[in-house]
Amino acid sequence: KLHVLCVKKKWPKPTYTIEKEIGPGHERQFVCSVKVKVADTMLCSMGI
């Protein structure tokens, strides 16, 4: 849905980054962020 919205609004496509890795290998948890550029503002949101 975010990708479709960016295409529709002619914004650059969202960029995702792994911000953090938590726990040992077999219980590894990942925390990712996404950035979307809207006009002159770069919005950044962090996932759980």
All heavy atoms as atom14 arrays in JSON, in Angstrom:
{
  "sequence": "KLHVLCVKKKWPKPTYTIEKEIGPGHERQFVCSVKVKVADTMLCSMGI",
  "atom14_mask": [
    [1, 1, 1, 1, 1, 1, 1, 1, 1, 0, 0, 0, 0, 0],
    [1, 1, 1, 1, 1, 1, 1, 1, 0, 0, 0, 0, 0, 0],
    [1, 1, 1, 1, 1, 1, 1, 1, 1, 1, 0, 0, 0, 0],
    [1, 1, 1, 1, 1, 1, 1, 0, 0, 0, 0, 0, 0, 0],
    [1, 1, 1, 1, 1, 1, 1, 1, 0, 0, 0, 0, 0, 0],
    [1, 1, 1, 1, 1, 1, 0, 0, 0, 0, 0, 0, 0, 0],
    [1, 1, 1, 1, 1, 1, 1, 0, 0, 0, 0, 0, 0, 0],
    [1, 1, 1, 1, 1, 1, 1, 1, 1, 0, 0, 0, 0, 0],
    [1, 1, 1, 1, 1, 1, 1, 1, 1, 0, 0, 0, 0, 0],
    [1, 1, 1, 1, 1, 1, 1, 1, 1, 0, 0, 0, 0, 0],
    [1, 1, 1, 1, 1, 1, 1, 1, 1, 1, 1, 1, 1, 1],
    [1, 1, 1, 1, 1, 1, 1, 0, 0, 0, 0, 0, 0, 0],
    [1, 1, 1, 1, 1, 1, 1, 1, 1, 0, 0, 0, 0, 0],
    [1, 1, 1, 1, 1, 1, 1, 0, 0, 0, 0, 0, 0, 0],
    [1, 1, 1, 1, 1, 1, 1, 0, 0, 0, 0, 0, 0, 0],
    [1, 1, 1, 1, 1, 1, 1, 1, 1, 1, 1, 1, 0, 0],
    [1, 1, 1, 1, 1, 1, 1, 0, 0, 0, 0, 0, 0, 0],
    [1, 1, 1, 1, 1, 1, 1, 1, 0, 0, 0, 0, 0, 0],
    [1, 1, 1, 1, 1, 1, 1, 1, 1, 0, 0, 0, 0, 0],
    [1, 1, 1, 1, 1, 1, 1, 1, 1, 0, 0, 0, 0, 0],
    [1, 1, 1, 1, 1, 1, 1, 1, 1, 0, 0, 0, 0, 0],
    [1, 1, 1, 1, 1, 1, 1, 1, 0, 0, 0, 0, 0, 0],
    [1, 1, 1, 1, 0, 0, 0, 0, 0, 0, 0, 0, 0, 0],
    [1, 1, 1, 1, 1, 1, 1, 0, 0, 0, 0, 0, 0, 0],
    [1, 1, 1, 1, 0, 0, 0, 0, 0, 0, 0, 0, 0, 0],
    [1, 1, 1, 1, 1, 1, 1, 1, 1, 1, 0, 0, 0, 0],
    [1, 1, 1, 1, 1, 1, 1, 1, 1, 0, 0, 0, 0, 0],
    [1, 1, 1, 1, 1, 1, 1, 1, 1, 1, 1, 0, 0, 0],
    [1, 1, 1, 1, 1, 1, 1, 1, 1, 0, 0, 0, 0, 0],
    [1, 1, 1, 1, 1, 1, 1, 1, 1, 1, 1, 0, 0, 0],
    [1, 1, 1, 1, 1, 1, 1, 0, 0, 0, 0, 0, 0, 0],
    [1, 1, 1, 1, 1, 1, 0, 0, 0, 0, 0, 0, 0, 0],
    [1, 1, 1, 1, 1, 1, 0, 0, 0, 0, 0, 0, 0, 0],
    [1, 1, 1, 1, 1, 1, 1, 0, 0, 0, 0, 0, 0, 0],
    [1, 1, 1, 1, 1, 1, 1, 1, 1, 0, 0, 0, 0, 0],
    [1, 1, 1, 1, 1, 1, 1, 0, 0, 0, 0, 0, 0, 0],
    [1, 1, 1, 1, 1, 1, 1, 1, 1, 0, 0, 0, 0, 0],
    [1, 1, 1, 1, 1, 1, 1, 0, 0, 0, 0, 0, 0, 0],
    [1, 1, 1, 1, 1, 0, 0, 0, 0, 0, 0, 0, 0, 0],
    [1, 1, 1, 1, 1, 1, 1, 1, 0, 0, 0, 0, 0, 0],
    [1, 1, 1, 1, 1, 1, 1, 0, 0, 0, 0, 0, 0, 0],
    [1, 1, 1, 1, 1, 1, 1, 1, 0, 0, 0, 0, 0, 0],
    [1, 1, 1, 1, 1, 1, 1, 1, 0, 0, 0, 0, 0, 0],
    [1, 1, 1, 1, 1, 1, 0, 0, 0, 0, 0, 0, 0, 0],
    [1, 1, 1, 1, 1, 1, 0, 0, 0, 0, 0, 0, 0, 0],
    [1, 1, 1, 1, 1, 1, 1, 1, 0, 0, 0, 0, 0, 0],
    [1, 1, 1, 1, 0, 0, 0, 0, 0, 0, 0, 0, 0, 0],
    [1, 1, 1, 1, 1, 1, 1, 1, 0, 0, 0, 0, 0, 0]
  ],
  "atom14_positions": [
    [[0.83, -1.21, 0.0], [0.0, 0.0, 0.0], [0.86, 1.26, 0.0], [0.55, 2.24, -0.68], [-0.94, 0.0, 1.21], [-2.05, -1.04, 1.1], [-3.02, -0.96, 2.27], [-4.11, -2.02, 2.13], [-5.11, -1.96, 3.18], [0.0, 0.0, 0.0], [0.0, 0.0, 0.0], [0.0, 0.0, 0.0], [0.0, 0.0, 0.0], [0.0, 0.0, 0.0]],
    [[1.96, 1.22, 0.76], [2.86, 2.37, 0.79], [3.52, 2.57, -0.56], [3.66, 3.7, -1.04], [3.91, 2.18, 1.88], [4.89, 3.34, 2.09], [4.16, 4.62, 2.43], [5.9, 2.99, 3.18], [0.0, 0.0, 0.0], [0.0, 0.0, 0.0], [0.0, 0.0, 0.0], [0.0, 0.0, 0.0], [0.0, 0.0, 0.0], [0.0, 0.0, 0.0]],
    [[3.91, 1.47, -1.2], [4.51, 1.56, -2.54], [3.54, 2.16, -3.55], [3.89, 3.05, -4.32], [4.95, 0.17, -3.0], [5.48, 0.13, -4.4], [6.75, 0.57, -4.74], [4.89, -0.27, -5.57], [6.92, 0.44, -6.04], [5.82, -0.07, -6.56], [0.0, 0.0, 0.0], [0.0, 0.0, 0.0], [0.0, 0.0, 0.0], [0.0, 0.0, 0.0]],
    [[2.3, 1.7, -3.52], [1.27, 2.21, -4.44], [1.02, 3.69, -4.21], [0.9, 4.48, -5.16], [-0.05, 1.41, -4.28], [-1.18, 2.08, -5.04], [0.15, -0.02, -4.75], [0.0, 0.0, 0.0], [0.0, 0.0, 0.0], [0.0, 0.0, 0.0], [0.0, 0.0, 0.0], [0.0, 0.0, 0.0], [0.0, 0.0, 0.0], [0.0, 0.0, 0.0]],
    [[0.97, 4.1, -2.94], [0.76, 5.51, -2.62], [1.89, 6.37, -3.17], [1.66, 7.44, -3.75], [0.64, 5.69, -1.11], [0.45, 7.14, -0.62], [-0.87, 7.71, -1.11], [0.53, 7.21, 0.9], [0.0, 0.0, 0.0], [0.0, 0.0, 0.0], [0.0, 0.0, 0.0], [0.0, 0.0, 0.0], [0.0, 0.0, 0.0], [0.0, 0.0, 0.0]],
    [[3.13, 5.92, -3.0], [4.28, 6.69, -3.49], [4.27, 6.8, -5.01], [4.6, 7.86, -5.57], [5.59, 6.05, -3.01], [5.86, 6.22, -1.23], [0.0, 0.0, 0.0], [0.0, 0.0, 0.0], [0.0, 0.0, 0.0], [0.0, 0.0, 0.0], [0.0, 0.0, 0.0], [0.0, 0.0, 0.0], [0.0, 0.0, 0.0], [0.0, 0.0, 0.0]],
    [[3.9, 5.73, -5.68], [3.8, 5.78, -7.15], [2.72, 6.78, -7.57], [2.92, 7.6, -8.47], [3.49, 4.38, -7.72], [3.15, 4.47, -9.21], [4.68, 3.44, -7.5], [0.0, 0.0, 0.0], [0.0, 0.0, 0.0], [0.0, 0.0, 0.0], [0.0, 0.0, 0.0], [0.0, 0.0, 0.0], [0.0, 0.0, 0.0], [0.0, 0.0, 0.0]],
    [[1.58, 6.7, -6.91], [0.45, 7.58, -7.23], [0.81, 9.04, -7.02], [0.45, 9.91, -7.82], [-0.75, 7.2, -6.38], [-1.99, 8.05, -6.65], [-3.15, 7.61, -5.78], [-4.37, 8.49, -6.02], [-5.51, 8.1, -5.15], [0.0, 0.0, 0.0], [0.0, 0.0, 0.0], [0.0, 0.0, 0.0], [0.0, 0.0, 0.0], [0.0, 0.0, 0.0]],
    [[1.52, 9.34, -5.92], [1.88, 10.73, -5.59], [3.16, 11.17, -6.28], [3.58, 12.32, -6.13], [2.05, 10.87, -4.07], [0.77, 10.63, -3.29], [-0.28, 11.68, -3.6], [-1.52, 11.47, -2.75], [-2.58, 12.45, -3.07], [0.0, 0.0, 0.0], [0.0, 0.0, 0.0], [0.0, 0.0, 0.0], [0.0, 0.0, 0.0], [0.0, 0.0, 0.0]],
    [[3.8, 10.24, -7.01], [5.05, 10.52, -7.71], [6.17, 10.9, -6.72], [7.0, 11.76, -6.99], [4.87, 11.62, -8.76], [3.9, 11.22, -9.86], [3.75, 12.29, -10.93], [2.79, 11.85, -12.03], [2.6, 12.89, -13.06], [0.0, 0.0, 0.0], [0.0, 0.0, 0.0], [0.0, 0.0, 0.0], [0.0, 0.0, 0.0], [0.0, 0.0, 0.0]],
    [[6.15, 10.24, -5.55], [7.22, 10.38, -4.58], [8.28, 9.32, -4.88], [7.98, 8.29, -5.49], [6.71, 10.16, -3.16], [5.67, 11.13, -2.7], [5.45, 12.4, -3.16], [4.68, 10.91, -1.68], [4.4, 12.98, -2.49], [3.91, 12.09, -1.58], [4.39, 9.84, -0.84], [2.87, 12.22, -0.67], [3.35, 9.96, 0.07], [2.61, 11.15, 0.16]],
    [[9.52, 9.54, -4.43], [10.53, 8.47, -4.55], [10.05, 7.22, -3.8], [9.32, 7.32, -2.82], [11.77, 9.08, -3.89], [11.56, 10.55, -3.97], [10.08, 10.77, -3.84], [0.0, 0.0, 0.0], [0.0, 0.0, 0.0], [0.0, 0.0, 0.0], [0.0, 0.0, 0.0], [0.0, 0.0, 0.0], [0.0, 0.0, 0.0], [0.0, 0.0, 0.0]],
    [[10.48, 6.06, -4.27], [10.03, 4.83, -3.63], [10.56, 4.75, -2.2], [11.65, 5.27, -1.89], [10.46, 3.61, -4.43], [11.94, 3.36, -4.47], [12.24, 2.09, -5.28], [13.74, 1.78, -5.28], [14.03, 0.55, -6.04], [0.0, 0.0, 0.0], [0.0, 0.0, 0.0], [0.0, 0.0, 0.0], [0.0, 0.0, 0.0], [0.0, 0.0, 0.0]],
    [[9.82, 4.12, -1.3], [10.25, 4.0, 0.1], [11.57, 3.24, 0.2], [11.83, 2.33, -0.58], [9.11, 3.22, 0.77], [7.94, 3.34, -0.16], [8.52, 3.45, -1.53], [0.0, 0.0, 0.0], [0.0, 0.0, 0.0], [0.0, 0.0, 0.0], [0.0, 0.0, 0.0], [0.0, 0.0, 0.0], [0.0, 0.0, 0.0], [0.0, 0.0, 0.0]],
    [[12.39, 3.61, 1.16], [13.64, 2.9, 1.4], [13.61, 2.28, 2.8], [13.28, 2.95, 3.78], [14.85, 3.84, 1.28], [14.71, 4.93, 2.19], [14.97, 4.38, -0.13], [0.0, 0.0, 0.0], [0.0, 0.0, 0.0], [0.0, 0.0, 0.0], [0.0, 0.0, 0.0], [0.0, 0.0, 0.0], [0.0, 0.0, 0.0], [0.0, 0.0, 0.0]],
    [[13.96, 1.01, 2.88], [13.92, 0.27, 4.14], [15.34, -0.03, 4.61], [16.23, -0.31, 3.81], [13.14, -1.03, 3.98], [11.68, -0.83, 3.66], [11.24, -0.69, 2.35], [10.73, -0.77, 4.68], [9.9, -0.49, 2.05], [9.38, -0.58, 4.4], [8.97, -0.44, 3.09], [7.65, -0.23, 2.8], [0.0, 0.0, 0.0], [0.0, 0.0, 0.0]],
    [[15.54, 0.05, 5.94], [16.85, -0.2, 6.53], [16.68, -1.06, 7.79], [15.75, -0.84, 8.57], [17.53, 1.12, 6.94], [17.62, 1.96, 5.78], [18.92, 0.86, 7.49], [0.0, 0.0, 0.0], [0.0, 0.0, 0.0], [0.0, 0.0, 0.0], [0.0, 0.0, 0.0], [0.0, 0.0, 0.0], [0.0, 0.0, 0.0], [0.0, 0.0, 0.0]],
    [[17.57, -2.04, 7.96], [17.59, -2.79, 9.21], [18.34, -1.94, 10.24], [19.54, -1.72, 10.12], [18.28, -4.16, 9.04], [17.52, -5.02, 8.03], [18.36, -4.88, 10.39], [18.21, -6.34, 7.72], [0.0, 0.0, 0.0], [0.0, 0.0, 0.0], [0.0, 0.0, 0.0], [0.0, 0.0, 0.0], [0.0, 0.0, 0.0], [0.0, 0.0, 0.0]],
    [[17.62, -1.43, 11.22], [18.21, -0.53, 12.21], [18.85, -1.29, 13.37], [19.81, -0.81, 13.97], [17.14, 0.42, 12.77], [16.49, 1.33, 11.74], [17.41, 2.45, 11.29], [18.47, 2.65, 11.92], [17.08, 3.12, 10.29], [0.0, 0.0, 0.0], [0.0, 0.0, 0.0], [0.0, 0.0, 0.0], [0.0, 0.0, 0.0], [0.0, 0.0, 0.0]],
    [[18.33, -2.47, 13.68], [18.79, -3.16, 14.88], [18.51, -4.66, 14.76], [17.49, -5.06, 14.2], [18.07, -2.59, 16.1], [18.63, -3.01, 17.45], [17.75, -2.5, 18.59], [17.57, -1.0, 18.55], [16.76, -0.52, 19.7], [0.0, 0.0, 0.0], [0.0, 0.0, 0.0], [0.0, 0.0, 0.0], [0.0, 0.0, 0.0], [0.0, 0.0, 0.0]],
    [[19.43, -5.45, 15.29], [19.23, -6.89, 15.42], [19.33, -7.25, 16.9], [20.29, -6.86, 17.56], [20.25, -7.66, 14.59], [20.13, -7.41, 13.1], [21.09, -8.25, 12.28], [21.46, -9.34, 12.77], [21.45, -7.83, 11.17], [0.0, 0.0, 0.0], [0.0, 0.0, 0.0], [0.0, 0.0, 0.0], [0.0, 0.0, 0.0], [0.0, 0.0, 0.0]],
    [[18.33, -7.97, 17.39], [18.25, -8.25, 18.82], [18.26, -9.76, 19.06], [17.59, -10.51, 18.36], [16.95, -7.66, 19.42], [16.83, -6.16, 19.11], [16.86, -7.89, 20.92], [15.48, -5.58, 19.41], [0.0, 0.0, 0.0], [0.0, 0.0, 0.0], [0.0, 0.0, 0.0], [0.0, 0.0, 0.0], [0.0, 0.0, 0.0], [0.0, 0.0, 0.0]],
    [[19.04, -10.2, 20.06], [19.01, -11.6, 20.48], [19.98, -12.48, 19.72], [20.56, -12.11, 18.7], [0.0, 0.0, 0.0], [0.0, 0.0, 0.0], [0.0, 0.0, 0.0], [0.0, 0.0, 0.0], [0.0, 0.0, 0.0], [0.0, 0.0, 0.0], [0.0, 0.0, 0.0], [0.0, 0.0, 0.0], [0.0, 0.0, 0.0], [0.0, 0.0, 0.0]],
    [[20.16, -13.72, 20.23], [21.05, -14.71, 19.58], [20.48, -15.17, 18.25], [19.31, -14.93, 17.94], [21.1, -15.84, 20.59], [19.81, -15.73, 21.36], [19.52, -14.26, 21.44], [0.0, 0.0, 0.0], [0.0, 0.0, 0.0], [0.0, 0.0, 0.0], [0.0, 0.0, 0.0], [0.0, 0.0, 0.0], [0.0, 0.0, 0.0], [0.0, 0.0, 0.0]],
    [[21.31, -15.89, 17.48], [20.93, -16.28, 16.13], [19.61, -16.99, 16.01], [18.8, -16.67, 15.13], [0.0, 0.0, 0.0], [0.0, 0.0, 0.0], [0.0, 0.0, 0.0], [0.0, 0.0, 0.0], [0.0, 0.0, 0.0], [0.0, 0.0, 0.0], [0.0, 0.0, 0.0], [0.0, 0.0, 0.0], [0.0, 0.0, 0.0], [0.0, 0.0, 0.0]],
    [[19.36, -17.98, 16.89], [18.14, -18.77, 16.75], [16.89, -18.02, 17.24], [15.76, -18.46, 17.01], [18.28, -20.09, 17.51], [18.44, -19.92, 18.99], [19.61, -19.45, 19.56], [17.57, -20.15, 20.02], [19.46, -19.4, 20.88], [18.23, -19.83, 21.17], [0.0, 0.0, 0.0], [0.0, 0.0, 0.0], [0.0, 0.0, 0.0], [0.0, 0.0, 0.0]],
    [[17.1, -16.87, 17.96], [15.97, -16.07, 18.42], [16.1, -14.63, 17.93], [15.62, -13.69, 18.56], [15.91, -16.09, 19.95], [15.63, -17.47, 20.53], [15.59, -17.46, 22.04], [15.91, -16.39, 22.64], [15.26, -18.49, 22.65], [0.0, 0.0, 0.0], [0.0, 0.0, 0.0], [0.0, 0.0, 0.0], [0.0, 0.0, 0.0], [0.0, 0.0, 0.0]],
    [[16.75, -14.47, 16.82], [17.05, -13.13, 16.3], [15.78, -12.34, 15.98], [14.84, -12.86, 15.4], [17.91, -13.24, 15.04], [18.43, -11.92, 14.45], [19.4, -11.21, 15.36], [20.48, -12.05, 15.87], [21.63, -12.22, 15.26], [21.86, -11.65, 14.09], [22.57, -12.97, 15.8], [0.0, 0.0, 0.0], [0.0, 0.0, 0.0], [0.0, 0.0, 0.0]],
    [[15.77, -11.09, 16.41], [14.68, -10.15, 16.11], [15.26, -8.99, 15.31], [16.39, -8.56, 15.56], [14.04, -9.63, 17.41], [13.39, -10.7, 18.27], [11.98, -11.02, 17.81], [11.25, -10.15, 17.35], [11.6, -12.3, 17.94], [0.0, 0.0, 0.0], [0.0, 0.0, 0.0], [0.0, 0.0, 0.0], [0.0, 0.0, 0.0], [0.0, 0.0, 0.0]],
    [[14.47, -8.48, 14.38], [14.92, -7.38, 13.53], [14.01, -6.17, 13.72], [12.79, -6.31, 13.83], [14.9, -7.8, 12.05], [15.79, -8.96, 11.73], [15.29, -10.26, 11.78], [17.12, -8.76, 11.41], [16.1, -11.34, 11.5], [17.94, -9.84, 11.13], [17.43, -11.13, 11.17], [0.0, 0.0, 0.0], [0.0, 0.0, 0.0], [0.0, 0.0, 0.0]],
    [[14.63, -5.0, 13.75], [13.89, -3.73, 13.8], [14.25, -2.94, 12.55], [15.42, -2.62, 12.32], [14.24, -2.9, 15.05], [13.47, -1.58, 15.05], [13.91, -3.69, 16.32], [0.0, 0.0, 0.0], [0.0, 0.0, 0.0], [0.0, 0.0, 0.0], [0.0, 0.0, 0.0], [0.0, 0.0, 0.0], [0.0, 0.0, 0.0], [0.0, 0.0, 0.0]],
    [[13.26, -2.68, 11.73], [13.49, -1.99, 10.46], [12.83, -0.62, 10.45], [11.84, -0.38, 11.16], [12.95, -2.82, 9.3], [13.79, -4.4, 9.09], [0.0, 0.0, 0.0], [0.0, 0.0, 0.0], [0.0, 0.0, 0.0], [0.0, 0.0, 0.0], [0.0, 0.0, 0.0], [0.0, 0.0, 0.0], [0.0, 0.0, 0.0], [0.0, 0.0, 0.0]],
    [[13.37, 0.26, 9.64], [12.79, 1.59, 9.45], [12.46, 1.78, 7.97], [12.97, 1.06, 7.11], [13.75, 2.68, 9.9], [14.88, 2.74, 9.03], [0.0, 0.0, 0.0], [0.0, 0.0, 0.0], [0.0, 0.0, 0.0], [0.0, 0.0, 0.0], [0.0, 0.0, 0.0], [0.0, 0.0, 0.0], [0.0, 0.0, 0.0], [0.0, 0.0, 0.0]],
    [[11.58, 2.74, 7.71], [11.27, 3.11, 6.33], [11.31, 4.62, 6.22], [10.9, 5.34, 7.14], [9.88, 2.57, 5.9], [8.76, 3.14, 6.77], [9.61, 2.88, 4.43], [0.0, 0.0, 0.0], [0.0, 0.0, 0.0], [0.0, 0.0, 0.0], [0.0, 0.0, 0.0], [0.0, 0.0, 0.0], [0.0, 0.0, 0.0], [0.0, 0.0, 0.0]],
    [[11.84, 5.09, 5.1], [11.88, 6.53, 4.84], [11.11, 6.83, 3.57], [11.2, 6.1, 2.58], [13.33, 7.01, 4.68], [14.15, 6.93, 5.97], [15.57, 7.45, 5.75], [16.37, 7.38, 7.04], [17.76, 7.86, 6.85], [0.0, 0.0, 0.0], [0.0, 0.0, 0.0], [0.0, 0.0, 0.0], [0.0, 0.0, 0.0], [0.0, 0.0, 0.0]],
    [[10.33, 7.91, 3.63], [9.57, 8.38, 2.47], [9.77, 9.88, 2.35], [9.58, 10.62, 3.33], [8.06, 8.07, 2.62], [7.28, 8.69, 1.46], [7.83, 6.57, 2.67], [0.0, 0.0, 0.0], [0.0, 0.0, 0.0], [0.0, 0.0, 0.0], [0.0, 0.0, 0.0], [0.0, 0.0, 0.0], [0.0, 0.0, 0.0], [0.0, 0.0, 0.0]],
    [[10.14, 10.33, 1.17], [10.33, 11.77, 0.96], [9.04, 12.37, 0.43], [8.57, 12.02, -0.64], [11.47, 12.03, -0.01], [11.81, 13.53, -0.12], [13.04, 13.77, -0.97], [13.41, 15.25, -0.98], [14.57, 15.53, -1.84], [0.0, 0.0, 0.0], [0.0, 0.0, 0.0], [0.0, 0.0, 0.0], [0.0, 0.0, 0.0], [0.0, 0.0, 0.0]],
    [[8.47, 13.3, 1.21], [7.24, 14.0, 0.84], [7.57, 15.48, 0.74], [7.92, 16.12, 1.73], [6.13, 13.79, 1.89], [4.88, 14.56, 1.51], [5.83, 12.31, 2.05], [0.0, 0.0, 0.0], [0.0, 0.0, 0.0], [0.0, 0.0, 0.0], [0.0, 0.0, 0.0], [0.0, 0.0, 0.0], [0.0, 0.0, 0.0], [0.0, 0.0, 0.0]],
    [[7.48, 16.03, -0.48], [7.88, 17.42, -0.73], [9.33, 17.59, -0.25], [10.21, 16.85, -0.65], [6.92, 18.38, -0.04], [0.0, 0.0, 0.0], [0.0, 0.0, 0.0], [0.0, 0.0, 0.0], [0.0, 0.0, 0.0], [0.0, 0.0, 0.0], [0.0, 0.0, 0.0], [0.0, 0.0, 0.0], [0.0, 0.0, 0.0], [0.0, 0.0, 0.0]],
    [[9.57, 18.54, 0.69], [10.94, 18.76, 1.15], [11.21, 18.04, 2.47], [12.23, 18.26, 3.1], [11.22, 20.26, 1.33], [10.42, 20.86, 2.49], [9.39, 20.27, 2.85], [10.83, 21.92, 3.0], [0.0, 0.0, 0.0], [0.0, 0.0, 0.0], [0.0, 0.0, 0.0], [0.0, 0.0, 0.0], [0.0, 0.0, 0.0], [0.0, 0.0, 0.0]],
    [[10.3, 17.17, 2.87], [10.41, 16.52, 4.16], [10.71, 15.03, 4.0], [10.04, 14.34, 3.24], [9.1, 16.68, 4.95], [8.84, 18.07, 5.13], [9.2, 16.01, 6.31], [0.0, 0.0, 0.0], [0.0, 0.0, 0.0], [0.0, 0.0, 0.0], [0.0, 0.0, 0.0], [0.0, 0.0, 0.0], [0.0, 0.0, 0.0], [0.0, 0.0, 0.0]],
    [[11.71, 14.55, 4.72], [12.0, 13.13, 4.75], [11.38, 12.55, 6.01], [11.79, 12.87, 7.12], [13.52, 12.88, 4.75], [13.88, 11.4, 4.78], [13.4, 10.52, 3.26], [14.71, 11.09, 2.16], [0.0, 0.0, 0.0], [0.0, 0.0, 0.0], [0.0, 0.0, 0.0], [0.0, 0.0, 0.0], [0.0, 0.0, 0.0], [0.0, 0.0, 0.0]],
    [[10.35, 11.75, 5.84], [9.69, 11.12, 6.96], [10.35, 9.76, 7.23], [10.67, 9.03, 6.3], [8.2, 10.91, 6.67], [7.38, 12.16, 6.39], [5.94, 11.78, 6.09], [7.44, 13.11, 7.56], [0.0, 0.0, 0.0], [0.0, 0.0, 0.0], [0.0, 0.0, 0.0], [0.0, 0.0, 0.0], [0.0, 0.0, 0.0], [0.0, 0.0, 0.0]],
    [[10.53, 9.47, 8.5], [11.14, 8.2, 8.89], [10.29, 7.55, 9.96], [9.91, 8.22, 10.93], [12.56, 8.43, 9.4], [13.39, 6.91, 9.93], [0.0, 0.0, 0.0], [0.0, 0.0, 0.0], [0.0, 0.0, 0.0], [0.0, 0.0, 0.0], [0.0, 0.0, 0.0], [0.0, 0.0, 0.0], [0.0, 0.0, 0.0], [0.0, 0.0, 0.0]],
    [[9.98, 6.28, 9.78], [9.18, 5.56, 10.76], [9.86, 4.23, 11.09], [10.37, 3.55, 10.2], [7.77, 5.3, 10.22], [6.98, 4.66, 11.17], [0.0, 0.0, 0.0], [0.0, 0.0, 0.0], [0.0, 0.0, 0.0], [0.0, 0.0, 0.0], [0.0, 0.0, 0.0], [0.0, 0.0, 0.0], [0.0, 0.0, 0.0], [0.0, 0.0, 0.0]],
    [[9.86, 3.89, 12.37], [10.51, 2.67, 12.83], [9.46, 1.6, 13.12], [8.44, 1.87, 13.74], [11.3, 2.96, 14.11], [12.2, 1.83, 14.55], [13.77, 1.84, 13.67], [14.56, 3.24, 14.44], [0.0, 0.0, 0.0], [0.0, 0.0, 0.0], [0.0, 0.0, 0.0], [0.0, 0.0, 0.0], [0.0, 0.0, 0.0], [0.0, 0.0, 0.0]],
    [[9.71, 0.39, 12.64], [8.81, -0.72, 12.93], [9.14, -1.36, 14.27], [10.15, -1.03, 14.89], [0.0, 0.0, 0.0], [0.0, 0.0, 0.0], [0.0, 0.0, 0.0], [0.0, 0.0, 0.0], [0.0, 0.0, 0.0], [0.0, 0.0, 0.0], [0.0, 0.0, 0.0], [0.0, 0.0, 0.0], [0.0, 0.0, 0.0], [0.0, 0.0, 0.0]],
    [[8.29, -2.26, 14.71], [8.57, -2.99, 15.95], [9.38, -4.24, 15.62], [9.48, -4.66, 14.47], [7.27, -3.34, 16.7], [6.37, -4.24, 15.84], [6.54, -2.1, 17.14], [5.11, -4.69, 16.54], [0.0, 0.0, 0.0], [0.0, 0.0, 0.0], [0.0, 0.0, 0.0], [0.0, 0.0, 0.0], [0.0, 0.0, 0.0], [0.0, 0.0, 0.0]]
  ]
}
